[in-house]
Amino acid sequence: MTPQVLSDGEWLQAWRGLPEACREVYWLPAYSRASARWERAEAECLLVDGNGRWLLYPFLRHPITGYDAA
């Protein structure tokens, strides 16, 4: 299972592929972009696909003040 970062179009297509009862507005690219503007972040979404099951994982990415990856 390798996570794949989705483009907005792929993200929306994956969201539409969810059963209708599972389509939360919070998982839409437009909602995440609006939240990202508020938090000065970037909206991204991972798709993890494996064994006939998949996970759609929207998140906001932003730098962590004081963190040095080195």
Protein backbone atom coordinates (compact mmCIF):
# COMPACT_ATOMS: atom_id res chain seq x y z
CA MET A 1 0.00 0.00 0.00
CA THR A 2 1.64 3.17 -1.20
CA PRO A 3 -0.04 6.51 -0.41
CA GLN A 4 -0.62 8.73 -3.43
CA VAL A 5 -0.97 12.52 -3.19
CA LEU A 6 -4.00 13.48 -5.30
CA SER A 7 -4.51 16.50 -7.52
CA ASP A 8 -7.71 18.47 -6.89
CA GLY A 9 -9.40 16.69 -9.81
CA GLU A 10 -8.35 13.24 -8.61
CA TRP A 11 -9.38 14.19 -5.07
CA LEU A 12 -12.86 15.25 -6.19
CA GLN A 13 -13.22 12.10 -8.30
CA ALA A 14 -12.24 9.92 -5.32
CA TRP A 15 -14.73 11.81 -3.10
CA ARG A 16 -17.48 11.20 -5.67
CA GLY A 17 -16.53 7.50 -5.62
CA LEU A 18 -17.45 7.25 -1.96
CA PRO A 19 -20.87 5.85 -1.07
CA GLU A 20 -23.30 8.78 -0.92
CA ALA A 21 -23.85 8.34 2.83
CA CYS A 22 -20.10 8.78 3.39
CA ARG A 23 -19.56 11.98 1.38
CA GLU A 24 -18.79 14.47 4.13
CA VAL A 25 -18.44 18.09 3.01
CA TYR A 26 -15.30 18.33 5.17
CA TRP A 27 -13.50 16.00 2.74
CA LEU A 28 -14.09 18.15 -0.37
CA PRO A 29 -11.11 19.94 -1.95
CA ALA A 30 -12.92 23.31 -1.82
CA TYR A 31 -13.63 22.96 1.91
CA SER A 32 -10.03 22.01 2.62
CA ARG A 33 -8.72 24.95 0.55
CA ALA A 34 -10.93 27.35 2.52
CA SER A 35 -9.64 25.90 5.79
CA ALA A 36 -6.07 26.10 4.47
CA ARG A 37 -6.42 29.83 3.76
CA TRP A 38 -7.56 30.36 7.35
CA GLU A 39 -4.59 28.40 8.73
CA ARG A 40 -2.02 29.66 6.18
CA ALA A 41 -1.49 26.09 5.01
CA GLU A 42 -1.79 23.97 1.88
CA ALA A 43 -4.68 21.56 1.40
CA GLU A 44 -3.63 18.07 0.29
CA CYS A 45 -5.20 14.65 0.13
CA LEU A 46 -3.71 11.17 0.26
CA LEU A 47 -5.27 8.09 -1.24
CA VAL A 48 -4.16 4.78 0.25
CA ASP A 49 -5.32 1.82 -1.82
CA GLY A 50 -4.76 -1.81 -0.95
CA ASN A 51 -6.45 -5.19 -0.78
CA GLY A 52 -9.63 -3.88 -2.42
CA ARG A 53 -10.08 -1.18 0.23
CA TRP A 54 -9.05 2.45 0.18
CA LEU A 55 -8.67 5.42 2.46
CA LEU A 56 -9.14 9.07 1.50
CA TYR A 57 -7.17 11.30 3.87
CA PRO A 58 -7.47 15.10 3.41
CA PHE A 59 -5.13 17.21 5.54
CA LEU A 60 -3.59 20.66 5.86
CA ARG A 61 0.18 20.95 5.48
CA HIS A 62 2.10 23.83 6.98
CA PRO A 63 5.54 24.40 8.48
CA ILE A 64 6.06 23.74 12.17
CA THR A 65 7.76 26.74 13.75
CA GLY A 66 11.08 25.81 15.34
CA TYR A 67 11.26 22.35 13.75
CA ASP A 68 14.49 21.45 11.94
CA ALA A 69 14.32 18.25 9.90
CA ALA A 70 18.12 17.93 9.77
